[in-house]
N, C-alpha and C. Protein backbone atom coordinates (compact mmCIF):
# COMPACT_ATOMS: atom_id res chain seq x y z
N MET A 1 107.77 101.34 93.44
CA MET A 1 109.11 101.87 93.36
C MET A 1 110.01 100.84 92.68
N PRO A 2 110.85 101.28 91.77
CA PRO A 2 111.78 100.35 91.14
C PRO A 2 112.84 99.88 92.13
N GLU A 3 113.35 98.69 91.89
CA GLU A 3 114.38 98.11 92.77
C GLU A 3 115.61 97.75 91.94
N VAL A 4 116.62 97.19 92.60
CA VAL A 4 117.91 96.96 91.95
C VAL A 4 117.96 95.69 91.10
N SER A 5 117.06 94.76 91.32
CA SER A 5 117.08 93.51 90.56
C SER A 5 115.67 92.94 90.48
N PRO A 6 115.44 92.04 89.52
CA PRO A 6 114.12 91.39 89.47
C PRO A 6 113.79 90.65 90.76
N ASP A 7 114.78 90.00 91.37
CA ASP A 7 114.51 89.27 92.61
C ASP A 7 114.11 90.22 93.73
N ALA A 8 114.85 91.32 93.90
CA ALA A 8 114.51 92.28 94.95
C ALA A 8 113.11 92.85 94.73
N THR A 9 112.77 93.11 93.48
CA THR A 9 111.45 93.65 93.14
C THR A 9 110.35 92.65 93.52
N LEU A 10 110.54 91.38 93.17
CA LEU A 10 109.53 90.37 93.49
C LEU A 10 109.43 90.13 95.00
N ILE A 11 110.55 90.21 95.68
CA ILE A 11 110.55 89.99 97.13
C ILE A 11 109.77 91.09 97.84
N ILE A 12 110.03 92.35 97.51
CA ILE A 12 109.30 93.44 98.18
C ILE A 12 107.84 93.44 97.74
N ALA A 13 107.56 93.01 96.51
CA ALA A 13 106.17 92.91 96.06
C ALA A 13 105.42 91.83 96.84
N THR A 14 106.08 90.73 97.13
CA THR A 14 105.46 89.67 97.93
C THR A 14 105.13 90.18 99.32
N SER A 15 106.04 90.94 99.89
CA SER A 15 105.81 91.53 101.20
C SER A 15 104.61 92.50 101.15
N TRP A 16 104.55 93.31 100.09
CA TRP A 16 103.46 94.26 99.94
C TRP A 16 102.11 93.54 99.79
N GLN A 17 102.10 92.45 99.03
CA GLN A 17 100.85 91.69 98.85
C GLN A 17 100.39 91.09 100.18
N ALA A 18 101.33 90.58 100.97
CA ALA A 18 100.98 90.05 102.28
C ALA A 18 100.47 91.16 103.18
N LEU A 19 101.06 92.34 103.09
CA LEU A 19 100.59 93.48 103.88
C LEU A 19 99.15 93.83 103.50
N SER A 20 98.86 93.86 102.21
CA SER A 20 97.49 94.15 101.76
C SER A 20 96.51 93.11 102.30
N ARG A 21 96.90 91.84 102.26
CA ARG A 21 96.02 90.78 102.80
C ARG A 21 95.85 90.92 104.30
N ALA A 22 96.93 91.27 104.99
CA ALA A 22 96.86 91.40 106.46
C ALA A 22 95.95 92.56 106.85
N GLU A 23 95.98 93.63 106.08
CA GLU A 23 95.17 94.81 106.40
C GLU A 23 93.69 94.60 106.10
N THR A 24 93.40 93.80 105.11
CA THR A 24 92.00 93.67 104.69
C THR A 24 91.44 92.27 104.84
N GLY A 25 92.28 91.33 105.20
CA GLY A 25 91.86 89.93 105.19
C GLY A 25 91.32 89.43 106.51
N ASP A 26 91.12 88.16 106.52
CA ASP A 26 90.60 87.42 107.65
C ASP A 26 91.56 87.49 108.84
N GLU A 27 91.06 87.88 109.96
CA GLU A 27 91.87 88.00 111.19
C GLU A 27 92.56 86.68 111.52
N ARG A 28 91.93 85.56 111.18
CA ARG A 28 92.48 84.25 111.53
C ARG A 28 93.78 83.93 110.77
N VAL A 29 94.01 84.58 109.65
CA VAL A 29 95.25 84.31 108.90
C VAL A 29 96.23 85.49 108.95
N ARG A 30 95.90 86.46 109.77
CA ARG A 30 96.77 87.63 109.87
C ARG A 30 98.18 87.25 110.32
N ILE A 31 98.30 86.32 111.26
CA ILE A 31 99.64 85.93 111.73
C ILE A 31 100.48 85.37 110.59
N CYS A 32 99.86 84.63 109.67
CA CYS A 32 100.60 84.09 108.51
C CYS A 32 101.06 85.21 107.60
N ASN A 33 100.18 86.15 107.32
CA ASN A 33 100.55 87.26 106.46
C ASN A 33 101.62 88.14 107.10
N CYS A 34 101.53 88.36 108.39
CA CYS A 34 102.55 89.15 109.09
C CYS A 34 103.90 88.43 109.10
N THR A 35 103.87 87.11 109.21
CA THR A 35 105.11 86.33 109.12
C THR A 35 105.74 86.52 107.75
N VAL A 36 104.94 86.44 106.70
CA VAL A 36 105.44 86.64 105.34
C VAL A 36 106.02 88.05 105.19
N ILE A 37 105.34 89.05 105.71
CA ILE A 37 105.82 90.43 105.60
C ILE A 37 107.23 90.55 106.19
N ILE A 38 107.43 90.02 107.39
CA ILE A 38 108.71 90.18 108.08
C ILE A 38 109.80 89.33 107.43
N VAL A 39 109.50 88.10 107.11
CA VAL A 39 110.51 87.23 106.49
C VAL A 39 110.92 87.79 105.13
N PHE A 40 109.97 88.25 104.35
CA PHE A 40 110.31 88.81 103.05
C PHE A 40 111.01 90.17 103.18
N ALA A 41 110.80 90.87 104.27
CA ALA A 41 111.57 92.09 104.53
C ALA A 41 113.04 91.72 104.70
N ALA A 42 113.31 90.64 105.42
CA ALA A 42 114.69 90.16 105.59
C ALA A 42 115.27 89.73 104.25
N PHE A 43 114.48 89.02 103.45
CA PHE A 43 114.95 88.59 102.13
C PHE A 43 115.27 89.80 101.25
N PHE A 44 114.48 90.85 101.37
CA PHE A 44 114.69 92.08 100.60
C PHE A 44 116.03 92.71 100.96
N ILE A 45 116.32 92.78 102.25
CA ILE A 45 117.62 93.31 102.67
C ILE A 45 118.73 92.46 102.06
N GLU A 46 118.59 91.15 102.18
CA GLU A 46 119.66 90.26 101.71
C GLU A 46 119.84 90.32 100.19
N ALA A 47 118.77 90.41 99.45
CA ALA A 47 118.89 90.50 97.99
C ALA A 47 119.68 91.75 97.61
N ASN A 48 119.41 92.85 98.27
CA ASN A 48 120.12 94.09 97.99
C ASN A 48 121.56 94.04 98.49
N LEU A 49 121.78 93.43 99.63
CA LEU A 49 123.15 93.25 100.13
C LEU A 49 123.97 92.42 99.14
N ASN A 50 123.41 91.33 98.67
CA ASN A 50 124.11 90.48 97.70
C ASN A 50 124.47 91.28 96.45
N HIS A 51 123.53 92.10 96.00
CA HIS A 51 123.76 92.92 94.81
C HIS A 51 124.89 93.92 95.06
N LEU A 52 124.87 94.58 96.20
CA LEU A 52 125.92 95.52 96.54
C LEU A 52 127.28 94.82 96.61
N ILE A 53 127.32 93.68 97.27
CA ILE A 53 128.57 92.94 97.41
C ILE A 53 129.11 92.53 96.03
N GLU A 54 128.23 92.07 95.15
CA GLU A 54 128.64 91.71 93.79
C GLU A 54 129.27 92.90 93.07
N ARG A 55 128.71 94.08 93.29
CA ARG A 55 129.19 95.29 92.61
C ARG A 55 130.54 95.77 93.12
N THR A 56 130.98 95.25 94.27
CA THR A 56 132.28 95.66 94.81
C THR A 56 133.41 94.81 94.26
N ASP A 57 133.08 93.82 93.45
CA ASP A 57 134.09 92.91 92.90
C ASP A 57 135.19 93.71 92.20
N GLY A 58 136.42 93.50 92.63
CA GLY A 58 137.55 94.16 92.01
C GLY A 58 137.92 95.51 92.61
N MET A 59 137.14 95.99 93.57
CA MET A 59 137.50 97.27 94.19
C MET A 59 138.76 97.09 95.02
N GLN A 60 139.65 98.05 94.91
CA GLN A 60 140.91 98.01 95.63
C GLN A 60 140.71 98.38 97.10
N GLY A 61 141.52 97.76 97.97
CA GLY A 61 141.56 98.14 99.38
C GLY A 61 140.49 97.53 100.25
N LEU A 62 139.70 96.61 99.72
CA LEU A 62 138.65 95.98 100.52
C LEU A 62 139.09 94.58 100.95
N THR A 63 138.65 94.17 102.13
CA THR A 63 138.84 92.78 102.52
C THR A 63 137.92 91.93 101.65
N SER A 64 138.20 90.66 101.57
CA SER A 64 137.37 89.77 100.76
C SER A 64 135.94 89.80 101.26
N PRO A 65 134.99 90.03 100.36
CA PRO A 65 133.60 90.05 100.79
C PRO A 65 133.10 88.64 101.10
N PRO A 66 132.08 88.55 101.95
CA PRO A 66 131.48 87.24 102.21
C PRO A 66 130.77 86.74 100.95
N ASN A 67 130.66 85.42 100.84
CA ASN A 67 129.95 84.89 99.67
C ASN A 67 128.44 84.98 99.90
N GLU A 68 127.69 84.67 98.87
CA GLU A 68 126.22 84.82 98.95
C GLU A 68 125.57 83.90 99.98
N HIS A 69 126.29 82.87 100.43
CA HIS A 69 125.72 81.94 101.40
C HIS A 69 126.09 82.29 102.84
N ALA A 70 126.86 83.35 103.02
CA ALA A 70 127.19 83.81 104.38
C ALA A 70 125.92 84.33 105.04
N GLY A 71 125.94 84.42 106.34
CA GLY A 71 124.78 84.91 107.08
C GLY A 71 124.52 86.38 106.82
N LEU A 72 123.29 86.77 107.04
CA LEU A 72 122.85 88.15 106.83
C LEU A 72 123.68 89.12 107.67
N GLN A 73 123.91 88.78 108.93
CA GLN A 73 124.68 89.67 109.80
C GLN A 73 126.12 89.79 109.32
N ARG A 74 126.69 88.69 108.89
CA ARG A 74 128.08 88.72 108.40
C ARG A 74 128.20 89.63 107.18
N LYS A 75 127.24 89.55 106.28
CA LYS A 75 127.27 90.41 105.09
C LYS A 75 127.14 91.88 105.46
N LEU A 76 126.20 92.18 106.34
CA LEU A 76 126.01 93.58 106.73
C LEU A 76 127.22 94.08 107.53
N ALA A 77 127.82 93.20 108.34
CA ALA A 77 129.02 93.58 109.08
C ALA A 77 130.15 93.91 108.12
N TRP A 78 130.25 93.18 107.03
CA TRP A 78 131.29 93.47 106.04
C TRP A 78 131.08 94.87 105.45
N VAL A 79 129.83 95.22 105.14
CA VAL A 79 129.54 96.56 104.62
C VAL A 79 129.89 97.61 105.67
N LEU A 80 129.49 97.37 106.91
CA LEU A 80 129.80 98.29 108.00
C LEU A 80 131.30 98.51 108.12
N ASN A 81 132.05 97.42 108.19
CA ASN A 81 133.49 97.52 108.39
C ASN A 81 134.24 98.02 107.15
N SER A 82 133.70 97.79 105.98
CA SER A 82 134.36 98.21 104.74
C SER A 82 134.08 99.66 104.37
N PHE A 83 132.87 100.15 104.70
CA PHE A 83 132.46 101.45 104.18
C PHE A 83 132.00 102.47 105.22
N VAL A 84 131.65 102.03 106.42
CA VAL A 84 131.06 102.96 107.38
C VAL A 84 132.00 103.25 108.55
N SER A 85 132.53 102.22 109.16
CA SER A 85 133.37 102.37 110.36
C SER A 85 134.78 102.80 110.02
N ASP A 86 135.31 103.67 110.85
CA ASP A 86 136.73 104.04 110.72
C ASP A 86 137.61 102.89 111.18
N GLU A 87 137.17 102.20 112.21
CA GLU A 87 137.88 101.05 112.76
C GLU A 87 136.97 99.83 112.65
N PRO A 88 137.50 98.68 112.23
CA PRO A 88 136.66 97.48 112.15
C PRO A 88 136.07 97.10 113.51
N VAL A 89 134.81 96.73 113.49
CA VAL A 89 134.12 96.28 114.70
C VAL A 89 134.10 94.75 114.64
N THR A 90 134.79 94.11 115.59
CA THR A 90 134.90 92.65 115.56
C THR A 90 134.28 91.97 116.78
N ASP A 91 134.21 92.68 117.90
CA ASP A 91 133.61 92.10 119.09
C ASP A 91 132.12 91.83 118.82
N PRO A 92 131.66 90.59 119.02
CA PRO A 92 130.28 90.24 118.65
C PRO A 92 129.22 91.15 119.30
N LYS A 93 129.38 91.47 120.57
CA LYS A 93 128.38 92.32 121.24
C LYS A 93 128.41 93.73 120.66
N GLN A 94 129.61 94.27 120.48
CA GLN A 94 129.74 95.61 119.90
C GLN A 94 129.24 95.64 118.46
N LEU A 95 129.47 94.56 117.73
CA LEU A 95 129.02 94.48 116.36
C LEU A 95 127.49 94.53 116.28
N ARG A 96 126.83 93.76 117.13
CA ARG A 96 125.36 93.78 117.15
C ARG A 96 124.84 95.18 117.45
N LEU A 97 125.45 95.83 118.44
CA LEU A 97 125.03 97.19 118.82
C LEU A 97 125.26 98.17 117.68
N ARG A 98 126.42 98.08 117.07
CA ARG A 98 126.76 99.02 115.99
C ARG A 98 125.89 98.80 114.77
N LEU A 99 125.61 97.54 114.43
CA LEU A 99 124.73 97.27 113.29
C LEU A 99 123.33 97.83 113.55
N GLU A 100 122.86 97.68 114.76
CA GLU A 100 121.53 98.21 115.10
C GLU A 100 121.53 99.74 115.07
N GLU A 101 122.63 100.33 115.50
CA GLU A 101 122.75 101.79 115.48
C GLU A 101 122.75 102.32 114.04
N GLU A 102 123.50 101.67 113.18
CA GLU A 102 123.62 102.11 111.79
C GLU A 102 122.42 101.70 110.94
N PHE A 103 121.81 100.58 111.28
CA PHE A 103 120.71 100.02 110.50
C PHE A 103 119.56 99.64 111.44
N PRO A 104 118.84 100.64 111.96
CA PRO A 104 117.78 100.37 112.95
C PRO A 104 116.76 99.35 112.46
N GLY A 105 116.46 98.40 113.34
CA GLY A 105 115.49 97.35 113.04
C GLY A 105 116.13 96.07 112.53
N PHE A 106 117.41 96.15 112.18
CA PHE A 106 118.08 95.00 111.59
C PHE A 106 118.05 93.78 112.50
N GLN A 107 118.37 93.96 113.76
CA GLN A 107 118.47 92.80 114.66
C GLN A 107 117.12 92.09 114.81
N ALA A 108 116.05 92.85 114.94
CA ALA A 108 114.72 92.24 115.09
C ALA A 108 114.34 91.46 113.82
N ILE A 109 114.63 92.05 112.66
CA ILE A 109 114.32 91.39 111.39
C ILE A 109 115.15 90.12 111.25
N ARG A 110 116.44 90.21 111.51
CA ARG A 110 117.34 89.07 111.37
C ARG A 110 116.97 87.95 112.33
N GLU A 111 116.71 88.30 113.59
CA GLU A 111 116.37 87.28 114.58
C GLU A 111 115.06 86.59 114.22
N PHE A 112 114.07 87.36 113.76
CA PHE A 112 112.80 86.75 113.36
C PHE A 112 113.02 85.78 112.21
N ARG A 113 113.74 86.23 111.18
CA ARG A 113 114.03 85.37 110.03
C ARG A 113 114.76 84.10 110.44
N ASN A 114 115.77 84.25 111.27
CA ASN A 114 116.54 83.09 111.71
C ASN A 114 115.67 82.13 112.52
N ASN A 115 114.83 82.66 113.39
CA ASN A 115 113.92 81.80 114.15
C ASN A 115 112.98 81.03 113.24
N VAL A 116 112.42 81.72 112.24
CA VAL A 116 111.51 81.04 111.31
C VAL A 116 112.25 79.92 110.58
N SER A 117 113.50 80.18 110.21
CA SER A 117 114.26 79.14 109.50
C SER A 117 114.50 77.91 110.37
N HIS A 118 114.34 78.06 111.69
CA HIS A 118 114.46 76.92 112.62
C HIS A 118 113.11 76.45 113.13
N GLY A 119 112.05 76.92 112.46
CA GLY A 119 110.71 76.45 112.81
C GLY A 119 110.07 77.13 114.00
N ILE A 120 110.56 78.31 114.36
CA ILE A 120 110.02 79.04 115.52
C ILE A 120 109.45 80.37 115.05
N ILE A 121 108.19 80.63 115.39
CA ILE A 121 107.57 81.90 115.05
C ILE A 121 107.21 82.63 116.34
N ASP A 122 107.84 83.78 116.52
CA ASP A 122 107.59 84.61 117.70
C ASP A 122 106.29 85.39 117.46
N ARG A 123 105.22 84.89 118.03
CA ARG A 123 103.91 85.49 117.79
C ARG A 123 103.78 86.90 118.36
N SER A 124 104.64 87.27 119.30
CA SER A 124 104.58 88.64 119.83
C SER A 124 105.03 89.65 118.77
N ILE A 125 105.76 89.20 117.76
CA ILE A 125 106.24 90.09 116.71
C ILE A 125 105.31 90.09 115.50
N THR A 126 104.50 89.07 115.34
CA THR A 126 103.67 88.94 114.15
C THR A 126 102.35 89.70 114.27
N THR A 127 102.43 90.90 114.80
CA THR A 127 101.26 91.78 114.80
C THR A 127 101.33 92.66 113.56
N LEU A 128 100.21 93.17 113.14
CA LEU A 128 100.18 94.02 111.96
C LEU A 128 101.04 95.26 112.18
N TYR A 129 100.95 95.86 113.35
CA TYR A 129 101.74 97.07 113.65
C TYR A 129 103.24 96.78 113.53
N THR A 130 103.70 95.72 114.17
CA THR A 130 105.13 95.40 114.16
C THR A 130 105.59 95.00 112.76
N ALA A 131 104.79 94.22 112.06
CA ALA A 131 105.15 93.82 110.70
C ALA A 131 105.31 95.04 109.80
N LYS A 132 104.39 95.99 109.91
CA LYS A 132 104.49 97.22 109.12
C LYS A 132 105.76 97.99 109.47
N GLN A 133 106.03 98.10 110.76
CA GLN A 133 107.22 98.84 111.21
C GLN A 133 108.50 98.19 110.70
N LEU A 134 108.59 96.86 110.79
CA LEU A 134 109.79 96.17 110.34
C LEU A 134 109.94 96.22 108.83
N ARG A 135 108.84 96.20 108.11
CA ARG A 135 108.90 96.32 106.64
C ARG A 135 109.44 97.69 106.26
N ILE A 136 108.99 98.73 106.93
CA ILE A 136 109.50 100.08 106.68
C ILE A 136 110.99 100.15 107.03
N LYS A 137 111.36 99.55 108.15
CA LYS A 137 112.78 99.56 108.55
C LYS A 137 113.65 98.83 107.52
N ALA A 138 113.14 97.73 106.95
CA ALA A 138 113.88 97.02 105.92
C ALA A 138 114.10 97.91 104.70
N LYS A 139 113.06 98.63 104.31
CA LYS A 139 113.20 99.55 103.18
C LYS A 139 114.19 100.66 103.51
N ASP A 140 114.16 101.15 104.75
CA ASP A 140 115.12 102.17 105.18
C ASP A 140 116.55 101.63 105.16
N ILE A 141 116.73 100.38 105.59
CA ILE A 141 118.05 99.75 105.56
C ILE A 141 118.56 99.68 104.13
N VAL A 142 117.71 99.27 103.22
CA VAL A 142 118.11 99.19 101.81
C VAL A 142 118.44 100.57 101.27
N ASP A 143 117.64 101.57 101.62
CA ASP A 143 117.95 102.94 101.19
C ASP A 143 119.32 103.36 101.72
N ARG A 144 119.62 103.01 102.96
CA ARG A 144 120.93 103.33 103.56
C ARG A 144 122.05 102.59 102.83
N LEU A 145 121.83 101.33 102.49
CA LEU A 145 122.83 100.57 101.74
C LEU A 145 123.11 101.21 100.37
N LEU A 146 122.06 101.65 99.71
CA LEU A 146 122.23 102.28 98.40
C LEU A 146 122.91 103.64 98.53
N TYR A 147 122.65 104.34 99.62
CA TYR A 147 123.35 105.59 99.90
C TYR A 147 124.85 105.32 100.11
N ILE A 148 125.16 104.30 100.89
CA ILE A 148 126.56 103.91 101.13
C ILE A 148 127.23 103.58 99.80
N ALA A 149 126.53 102.85 98.95
CA ALA A 149 127.08 102.50 97.63
C ALA A 149 127.37 103.76 96.83
N ARG A 150 126.41 104.67 96.78
CA ARG A 150 126.59 105.91 96.03
C ARG A 150 127.78 106.71 96.55
N GLU A 151 127.87 106.82 97.88
CA GLU A 151 128.96 107.57 98.51
C GLU A 151 130.32 106.96 98.20
N ASN A 152 130.36 105.69 97.90
CA ASN A 152 131.60 104.99 97.60
C ASN A 152 131.75 104.69 96.11
N GLU A 153 130.96 105.41 95.30
CA GLU A 153 131.02 105.31 93.85
C GLU A 153 130.82 103.89 93.33
N ILE A 154 129.92 103.17 93.98
CA ILE A 154 129.51 101.85 93.53
C ILE A 154 128.21 102.06 92.76
N ASP A 155 128.24 101.77 91.49
CA ASP A 155 127.10 102.06 90.63
C ASP A 155 126.01 101.00 90.81
N ILE A 156 124.94 101.40 91.47
CA ILE A 156 123.78 100.54 91.63
C ILE A 156 122.55 101.37 91.28
N GLN A 157 121.82 100.91 90.30
CA GLN A 157 120.63 101.62 89.84
C GLN A 157 119.38 100.90 90.31
N ARG A 158 118.40 101.66 90.72
CA ARG A 158 117.08 101.11 91.00
C ARG A 158 116.26 101.32 89.74
N GLY A 159 116.20 100.30 88.91
CA GLY A 159 115.50 100.48 87.65
C GLY A 159 114.55 99.36 87.28
N VAL A 160 114.40 98.37 88.15
CA VAL A 160 113.57 97.23 87.81
C VAL A 160 112.18 97.41 88.42
N GLU A 161 111.21 97.65 87.55
CA GLU A 161 109.81 97.79 87.97
C GLU A 161 109.18 96.41 88.11
N TYR A 162 108.06 96.34 88.82
CA TYR A 162 107.39 95.07 89.07
C TYR A 162 107.05 94.33 87.77
N GLU A 163 106.44 95.03 86.81
CA GLU A 163 106.06 94.39 85.55
C GLU A 163 107.28 93.81 84.84
N MET A 164 108.39 94.53 84.89
CA MET A 164 109.63 94.04 84.28
C MET A 164 110.12 92.80 85.04
N ALA A 165 110.02 92.81 86.35
CA ALA A 165 110.50 91.69 87.16
C ALA A 165 109.71 90.42 86.88
N ILE A 166 108.39 90.53 86.79
CA ILE A 166 107.59 89.32 86.57
C ILE A 166 107.72 88.80 85.14
N SER A 167 108.14 89.66 84.22
CA SER A 167 108.30 89.20 82.84
C SER A 167 109.73 88.78 82.54
N SER A 168 110.62 88.89 83.52
CA SER A 168 112.04 88.58 83.28
C SER A 168 112.42 87.18 83.74
N THR A 169 111.47 86.26 83.71
CA THR A 169 111.79 84.90 84.10
C THR A 169 111.73 83.99 82.89
N ASP A 170 112.62 83.02 82.88
CA ASP A 170 112.57 82.06 81.79
C ASP A 170 111.69 80.88 82.22
N ILE A 171 111.61 79.87 81.42
CA ILE A 171 110.73 78.73 81.67
C ILE A 171 111.04 78.02 82.98
N SER A 172 112.30 78.07 83.42
CA SER A 172 112.68 77.39 84.66
C SER A 172 112.29 78.20 85.90
N GLY A 173 111.89 79.48 85.69
CA GLY A 173 111.49 80.30 86.82
C GLY A 173 112.63 81.07 87.45
N THR A 174 113.81 80.98 86.89
CA THR A 174 114.95 81.72 87.42
C THR A 174 114.96 83.11 86.81
N ALA A 175 115.11 84.11 87.66
CA ALA A 175 115.12 85.49 87.17
C ALA A 175 116.30 85.71 86.23
N ALA A 176 116.06 86.51 85.22
CA ALA A 176 117.13 86.82 84.24
C ALA A 176 118.12 87.79 84.82
């Protein structure tokens, strides 16, 4: 399936490759492949969130969007409060609940990614079944984000195929 940018395409492709290895590979390395699947699912959400946020530049009536270095939850909360909620959700507990309601699976994906970034891997989540479920949820979240963009007349096209993504790098390895 085409994606919105070369980076998003490569990220979901990396997740897919890890899924293929986890399904057919050595049981002893399955936990590593499942970790890659889930972490790259989070990266996929964030790549698409960043793209959506960039596309809102100059739109009237929006609060200032978070920058690309803001946390994943903060970025998604901005989308929720800017385009989905009638009233801004600011209470941290209510925000977590509302984000999970609007974007099922988000909290599990975000918490796993954040734990990995601090050197902690929750082995109860790194099963093939859970990794597959969270990867699907990440794709569903991105589909929902693109639906929100469309509904708000934010032009985002899914047109970058895998072959295009891998050929769109310069010598330094930075995507074009």
